[in-house]
Amino acid sequence: MVTYKPTNARYWCVTDLECTGLEPKRHEIIQIARVVIDTVEKTIIPGLMTSEYILPTRWDQRDHEAMKVNELTIEKLQAEGISAKLALRDFSSGVNWSETVLAAWGVDFETKFLRDAFRRIDRVVPFTFKVIDVRSLGHLPRAKLGFTDYMGLGESCDYYGVPFDSGKAHDALYDATKTAELVLALLKLD
């Protein structure tokens, strides 16, 4: 069995998921996106961006409120979706996981869903133990100023000068891209 153990975190695989609800045991990933950044060069690596829709297998268990948020329909998923196995293979490929950690806005959500999805297809999870929560990173500079409230992704982008269009939010690639741009803005803070 292959085990990935990052020895450093030069690259961050900034990930966003759209799911049929909030519970990995009942709900599932229906869109997965990644944007890989090089934290040394402070750039997004365009050739490693991916986004795919996934054909649901438990559509009957979807949470209708979650579906109102991401606005994904069964018709769109059937027309553009691929199997979870193919999507997770594509998500894992092309990334040097020995130098890459998983990063996300509220990374606990992505971690739980990805671990469950990889387990369901009998594949090794590429991000074994190192993950970075961008929401917490964004809060740290503000905490130093005495602010105690957490902001959403759009609010955080606005605060740090990253353009954000709320009309495009809840598309996994858009959210992953904006999260990656936010990381780059945070890395440039003195």
C-alpha atoms as a PDB file:
ATOM      1  CA  MET A   1       0.000   0.000   0.000  1.00  0.00           C
ATOM      2  CA  VAL A   2       1.262   3.460  -0.937  1.00  0.00           C
ATOM      3  CA  THR A   3       1.231   6.062   1.796  1.00  0.00           C
ATOM      4  CA  TYR A   4       1.806   9.731   1.068  1.00  0.00           C
ATOM      5  CA  LYS A   5       3.678  11.626   3.777  1.00  0.00           C
ATOM      6  CA  PRO A   6       4.501  15.201   2.832  1.00  0.00           C
ATOM      7  CA  THR A   7       7.981  16.199   3.920  1.00  0.00           C
ATOM      8  CA  ASN A   8       7.315  19.885   3.284  1.00  0.00           C
ATOM      9  CA  ALA A   9       4.450  22.092   2.215  1.00  0.00           C
ATOM     10  CA  ARG A  10       5.819  23.993  -0.767  1.00  0.00           C
ATOM     11  CA  TYR A  11       2.654  23.284  -2.740  1.00  0.00           C
ATOM     12  CA  TRP A  12      -0.893  23.666  -1.484  1.00  0.00           C
ATOM     13  CA  CYS A  13      -3.728  21.868  -3.216  1.00  0.00           C
ATOM     14  CA  VAL A  14      -6.512  24.350  -2.563  1.00  0.00           C
ATOM     15  CA  THR A  15      -9.711  22.383  -2.833  1.00  0.00           C
ATOM     16  CA  ASP A  16     -13.410  23.084  -2.894  1.00  0.00           C
ATOM     17  CA  LEU A  17     -16.312  20.671  -3.057  1.00  0.00           C
ATOM     18  CA  GLU A  18     -19.987  20.988  -3.789  1.00  0.00           C
ATOM     19  CA  CYS A  19     -21.977  18.237  -2.124  1.00  0.00           C
ATOM     20  CA  THR A  20     -25.542  17.019  -1.816  1.00  0.00           C
ATOM     21  CA  GLY A  21     -25.527  17.880   1.897  1.00  0.00           C
ATOM     22  CA  LEU A  22     -23.325  18.160   4.956  1.00  0.00           C
ATOM     23  CA  GLU A  23     -23.042  14.519   6.093  1.00  0.00           C
ATOM     24  CA  PRO A  24     -20.427  12.373   4.297  1.00  0.00           C
ATOM     25  CA  LYS A  25     -22.080   9.094   5.301  1.00  0.00           C
ATOM     26  CA  ARG A  26     -25.362  10.124   3.662  1.00  0.00           C
ATOM     27  CA  HIS A  27     -24.438  12.807   1.139  1.00  0.00           C
ATOM     28  CA  GLU A  28     -21.834  12.885  -1.612  1.00  0.00           C
ATOM     29  CA  ILE A  29     -19.504  15.066  -3.631  1.00  0.00           C
ATOM     30  CA  ILE A  30     -21.058  16.308  -6.875  1.00  0.00           C
ATOM     31  CA  GLN A  31     -18.343  18.782  -7.912  1.00  0.00           C
ATOM     32  CA  ILE A  32     -14.658  18.728  -7.053  1.00  0.00           C
ATOM     33  CA  ALA A  33     -12.094  21.376  -7.894  1.00  0.00           C
ATOM     34  CA  ARG A  34      -8.471  22.009  -7.088  1.00  0.00           C
ATOM     35  CA  VAL A  35      -6.104  24.918  -7.603  1.00  0.00           C
ATOM     36  CA  VAL A  36      -2.468  24.199  -6.798  1.00  0.00           C
ATOM     37  CA  ILE A  37      -0.271  27.030  -5.573  1.00  0.00           C
ATOM     38  CA  ASP A  38       3.474  27.253  -5.146  1.00  0.00           C
ATOM     39  CA  THR A  39       4.007  28.996  -1.799  1.00  0.00           C
ATOM     40  CA  VAL A  40       7.661  29.745  -2.574  1.00  0.00           C
ATOM     41  CA  GLU A  41       7.005  31.440  -5.917  1.00  0.00           C
ATOM     42  CA  LYS A  42       3.627  32.707  -4.626  1.00  0.00           C
ATOM     43  CA  THR A  43       1.819  31.709  -7.807  1.00  0.00           C
ATOM     44  CA  ILE A  44      -1.045  29.536  -8.997  1.00  0.00           C
ATOM     45  CA  ILE A  45       0.098  26.680 -11.246  1.00  0.00           C
ATOM     46  CA  PRO A  46      -2.447  26.906 -14.113  1.00  0.00           C
ATOM     47  CA  GLY A  47      -1.741  23.440 -15.539  1.00  0.00           C
ATOM     48  CA  LEU A  48      -2.788  21.802 -12.261  1.00  0.00           C
ATOM     49  CA  MET A  49      -6.253  23.381 -11.992  1.00  0.00           C
ATOM     50  CA  THR A  50      -9.078  20.887 -12.314  1.00  0.00           C
ATOM     51  CA  SER A  51     -12.827  20.875 -11.876  1.00  0.00           C
ATOM     52  CA  GLU A  52     -15.235  18.055 -12.532  1.00  0.00           C
ATOM     53  CA  TYR A  53     -18.858  17.289 -11.893  1.00  0.00           C
ATOM     54  CA  ILE A  54     -19.608  13.883 -10.415  1.00  0.00           C
ATOM     55  CA  LEU A  55     -22.583  11.670 -11.174  1.00  0.00           C
ATOM     56  CA  PRO A  56     -24.482  11.173  -7.925  1.00  0.00           C
ATOM     57  CA  THR A  57     -25.268   7.668  -6.721  1.00  0.00           C
ATOM     58  CA  ARG A  58     -27.394   8.723  -3.724  1.00  0.00           C
ATOM     59  CA  TRP A  59     -29.415  11.555  -5.239  1.00  0.00           C
ATOM     60  CA  ASP A  60     -32.505  10.481  -3.305  1.00  0.00           C
ATOM     61  CA  GLN A  61     -30.668  11.323  -0.051  1.00  0.00           C
ATOM     62  CA  ARG A  62     -29.764  14.876  -1.087  1.00  0.00           C
ATOM     63  CA  ASP A  63     -30.516  17.782   1.214  1.00  0.00           C
ATOM     64  CA  HIS A  64     -32.810  20.167  -0.643  1.00  0.00           C
ATOM     65  CA  GLU A  65     -31.408  23.216   1.173  1.00  0.00           C
ATOM     66  CA  ALA A  66     -27.864  22.293   0.083  1.00  0.00           C
ATOM     67  CA  MET A  67     -29.060  21.956  -3.479  1.00  0.00           C
ATOM     68  CA  LYS A  68     -30.577  25.453  -3.345  1.00  0.00           C
ATOM     69  CA  VAL A  69     -27.143  26.781  -2.361  1.00  0.00           C
ATOM     70  CA  ASN A  70     -25.073  25.106  -5.089  1.00  0.00           C
ATOM     71  CA  GLU A  71     -27.906  25.147  -7.679  1.00  0.00           C
ATOM     72  CA  LEU A  72     -26.682  21.926  -9.290  1.00  0.00           C
ATOM     73  CA  THR A  73     -29.400  19.864 -10.961  1.00  0.00           C
ATOM     74  CA  ILE A  74     -29.581  16.190 -11.782  1.00  0.00           C
ATOM     75  CA  GLU A  75     -29.850  17.154 -15.458  1.00  0.00           C
ATOM     76  CA  LYS A  76     -26.548  19.074 -15.357  1.00  0.00           C
ATOM     77  CA  LEU A  77     -24.819  16.301 -13.415  1.00  0.00           C
ATOM     78  CA  GLN A  78     -26.061  13.618 -15.808  1.00  0.00           C
ATOM     79  CA  ALA A  79     -24.968  15.685 -18.811  1.00  0.00           C
ATOM     80  CA  GLU A  80     -21.528  16.717 -17.517  1.00  0.00           C
ATOM     81  CA  GLY A  81     -20.720  14.394 -14.629  1.00  0.00           C
ATOM     82  CA  ILE A  82     -18.259  11.531 -14.487  1.00  0.00           C
ATOM     83  CA  SER A  83     -17.901   8.726 -11.963  1.00  0.00           C
ATOM     84  CA  ALA A  84     -16.464   9.484  -8.537  1.00  0.00           C
ATOM     85  CA  LYS A  85     -13.671   7.028  -9.269  1.00  0.00           C
ATOM     86  CA  LEU A  86     -12.547   8.949 -12.367  1.00  0.00           C
ATOM     87  CA  ALA A  87     -12.948  12.342 -10.695  1.00  0.00           C
ATOM     88  CA  LEU A  88     -10.892  11.304  -7.660  1.00  0.00           C
ATOM     89  CA  ARG A  89      -8.230   9.773  -9.900  1.00  0.00           C
ATOM     90  CA  ASP A  90      -7.982  13.051 -11.796  1.00  0.00           C
ATOM     91  CA  PHE A  91      -7.947  15.015  -8.522  1.00  0.00           C
ATOM     92  CA  SER A  92      -4.995  12.953  -7.267  1.00  0.00           C
ATOM     93  CA  SER A  93      -2.965  12.892 -10.470  1.00  0.00           C
ATOM     94  CA  GLY A  94      -0.347  15.386 -11.547  1.00  0.00           C
ATOM     95  CA  VAL A  95       0.304  16.628  -8.014  1.00  0.00           C
ATOM     96  CA  ASN A  96       3.532  15.834  -6.175  1.00  0.00           C
ATOM     97  CA  TRP A  97       1.847  14.843  -2.914  1.00  0.00           C
ATOM     98  CA  SER A  98       5.177  14.417  -1.120  1.00  0.00           C
ATOM     99  CA  GLU A  99       5.498  18.228  -1.253  1.00  0.00           C
ATOM    100  CA  THR A 100       1.804  19.117  -1.219  1.00  0.00           C
ATOM    101  CA  VAL A 101      -0.767  19.551   1.514  1.00  0.00           C
ATOM    102  CA  LEU A 102      -4.506  19.931   1.215  1.00  0.00           C
ATOM    103  CA  ALA A 103      -5.820  23.421   1.896  1.00  0.00           C
ATOM    104  CA  ALA A 104      -9.403  24.663   1.878  1.00  0.00           C
ATOM    105  CA  TRP A 105     -11.766  27.229   3.288  1.00  0.00           C
ATOM    106  CA  GLY A 106     -13.010  25.304   6.321  1.00  0.00           C
ATOM    107  CA  VAL A 107     -10.807  22.314   5.484  1.00  0.00           C
ATOM    108  CA  ASP A 108     -12.577  19.973   7.904  1.00  0.00           C
ATOM    109  CA  PHE A 109     -15.560  19.751   5.541  1.00  0.00           C
ATOM    110  CA  GLU A 110     -13.426  18.844   2.514  1.00  0.00           C
ATOM    111  CA  THR A 111     -11.292  16.432   4.510  1.00  0.00           C
ATOM    112  CA  LYS A 112     -14.269  14.432   5.778  1.00  0.00           C
ATOM    113  CA  PHE A 113     -15.925  14.196   2.376  1.00  0.00           C
ATOM    114  CA  LEU A 114     -12.708  13.355   0.521  1.00  0.00           C
ATOM    115  CA  ARG A 115     -11.668  10.673   3.003  1.00  0.00           C
ATOM    116  CA  ASP A 116     -15.095   9.071   2.736  1.00  0.00           C
ATOM    117  CA  ALA A 117     -15.075   9.291  -1.078  1.00  0.00           C
ATOM    118  CA  PHE A 118     -11.593   7.749  -1.395  1.00  0.00           C
ATOM    119  CA  ARG A 119     -12.591   4.980   1.030  1.00  0.00           C
ATOM    120  CA  ARG A 120     -15.671   4.188  -1.065  1.00  0.00           C
ATOM    121  CA  ILE A 121     -13.540   3.598  -4.183  1.00  0.00           C
ATOM    122  CA  ASP A 122     -10.756   1.757  -2.327  1.00  0.00           C
ATOM    123  CA  ARG A 123      -8.107   4.373  -3.132  1.00  0.00           C
ATOM    124  CA  VAL A 124      -5.383   5.844  -0.942  1.00  0.00           C
ATOM    125  CA  VAL A 125      -6.073   9.345   0.317  1.00  0.00           C
ATOM    126  CA  PRO A 126      -3.206  11.497  -1.013  1.00  0.00           C
ATOM    127  CA  PHE A 127      -3.272  14.005   1.878  1.00  0.00           C
ATOM    128  CA  THR A 128      -2.630  11.629   4.754  1.00  0.00           C
ATOM    129  CA  PHE A 129      -2.395  13.993   7.679  1.00  0.00           C
ATOM    130  CA  LYS A 130      -1.317  17.492   6.761  1.00  0.00           C
ATOM    131  CA  VAL A 131      -4.070  19.976   5.981  1.00  0.00           C
ATOM    132  CA  ILE A 132      -4.316  23.755   6.195  1.00  0.00           C
ATOM    133  CA  ASP A 133      -7.466  25.708   7.019  1.00  0.00           C
ATOM    134  CA  VAL A 134      -7.456  28.935   5.006  1.00  0.00           C
ATOM    135  CA  ARG A 135     -10.373  30.357   7.022  1.00  0.00           C
ATOM    136  CA  SER A 136      -8.209  30.236  10.168  1.00  0.00           C
ATOM    137  CA  LEU A 137      -5.225  31.735   8.329  1.00  0.00           C
ATOM    138  CA  GLY A 138      -7.394  34.603   7.169  1.00  0.00           C
ATOM    139  CA  HIS A 139      -8.564  35.225  10.696  1.00  0.00           C
ATOM    140  CA  LEU A 140      -5.089  35.340  12.258  1.00  0.00           C
ATOM    141  CA  PRO A 141      -4.020  38.823  11.035  1.00  0.00           C
ATOM    142  CA  ARG A 142      -7.426  40.149  12.095  1.00  0.00           C
ATOM    143  CA  ALA A 143      -7.151  38.481  15.493  1.00  0.00           C
ATOM    144  CA  LYS A 144      -3.898  40.380  16.051  1.00  0.00           C
ATOM    145  CA  LEU A 145      -5.964  43.567  15.633  1.00  0.00           C
ATOM    146  CA  GLY A 146      -8.522  42.396  18.188  1.00  0.00           C
ATOM    147  CA  PHE A 147     -11.236  41.267  15.761  1.00  0.00           C
ATOM    148  CA  THR A 148     -12.999  38.136  16.958  1.00  0.00           C
ATOM    149  CA  ASP A 149     -15.615  37.450  14.272  1.00  0.00           C
ATOM    150  CA  TYR A 150     -14.998  34.934  11.519  1.00  0.00           C
ATOM    151  CA  MET A 151     -15.835  36.055   8.008  1.00  0.00           C
ATOM    152  CA  GLY A 152     -17.138  34.078   5.068  1.00  0.00           C
ATOM    153  CA  LEU A 153     -14.998  33.563   1.975  1.00  0.00           C
ATOM    154  CA  GLY A 154     -16.471  36.565   0.151  1.00  0.00           C
ATOM    155  CA  GLU A 155     -16.072  38.841   3.161  1.00  0.00           C
ATOM    156  CA  SER A 156     -12.512  37.670   3.688  1.00  0.00           C
ATOM    157  CA  CYS A 157     -11.650  38.221   0.021  1.00  0.00           C
ATOM    158  CA  ASP A 158     -13.099  41.737   0.224  1.00  0.00           C
ATOM    159  CA  TYR A 159     -11.155  42.453   3.421  1.00  0.00           C
ATOM    160  CA  TYR A 160      -7.830  41.399   1.859  1.00  0.00           C
ATOM    161  CA  GLY A 161      -8.461  43.013  -1.537  1.00  0.00           C
ATOM    162  CA  VAL A 162      -9.222  39.877  -3.553  1.00  0.00           C
ATOM    163  CA  PRO A 163     -12.043  40.536  -6.066  1.00  0.00           C
ATOM    164  CA  PHE A 164     -15.053  38.320  -5.339  1.00  0.00           C
ATOM    165  CA  ASP A 165     -18.318  37.974  -7.246  1.00  0.00           C
ATOM    166  CA  SER A 166     -20.954  36.507  -4.911  1.00  0.00           C
ATOM    167  CA  GLY A 167     -23.039  35.571  -7.963  1.00  0.00           C
ATOM    168  CA  LYS A 168     -20.359  33.034  -8.904  1.00  0.00           C
ATOM    169  CA  ALA A 169     -19.946  31.609  -5.397  1.00  0.00           C
ATOM    170  CA  HIS A 170     -20.718  27.953  -4.739  1.00  0.00           C
ATOM    171  CA  ASP A 171     -19.122  26.797  -7.949  1.00  0.00           C
ATOM    172  CA  ALA A 172     -16.253  24.610  -6.735  1.00  0.00           C
ATOM    173  CA  LEU A 173     -13.686  25.960  -9.210  1.00  0.00           C
ATOM    174  CA  TYR A 174     -14.606  29.578  -8.526  1.00  0.00           C
ATOM    175  CA  ASP A 175     -14.438  29.091  -4.760  1.00  0.00           C
ATOM    176  CA  ALA A 176     -11.158  27.143  -4.961  1.00  0.00           C
ATOM    177  CA  THR A 177      -9.652  29.842  -7.183  1.00  0.00           C
ATOM    178  CA  LYS A 178     -10.743  32.648  -4.863  1.00  0.00           C
ATOM    179  CA  THR A 179      -9.445  30.716  -1.852  1.00  0.00           C
ATOM    180  CA  ALA A 180      -6.095  30.254  -3.620  1.00  0.00           C
ATOM    181  CA  GLU A 181      -5.954  33.958  -4.494  1.00  0.00           C
ATOM    182  CA  LEU A 182      -6.712  34.741  -0.852  1.00  0.00           C
ATOM    183  CA  VAL A 183      -3.844  32.486   0.249  1.00  0.00           C
ATOM    184  CA  LEU A 184      -1.493  34.341  -2.087  1.00  0.00           C
ATOM    185  CA  ALA A 185      -2.667  37.682  -0.667  1.00  0.00           C
ATOM    186  CA  LEU A 186      -2.096  36.392   2.874  1.00  0.00           C
ATOM    187  CA  LEU A 187       1.389  35.131   1.955  1.00  0.00           C
ATOM    188  CA  LYS A 188       2.304  38.624   0.781  1.00  0.00           C
ATOM    189  CA  LEU A 189       1.332  40.298   4.072  1.00  0.00           C
ATOM    190  CA  ASP A 190       4.238  41.630   6.089  1.00  0.00           C
END
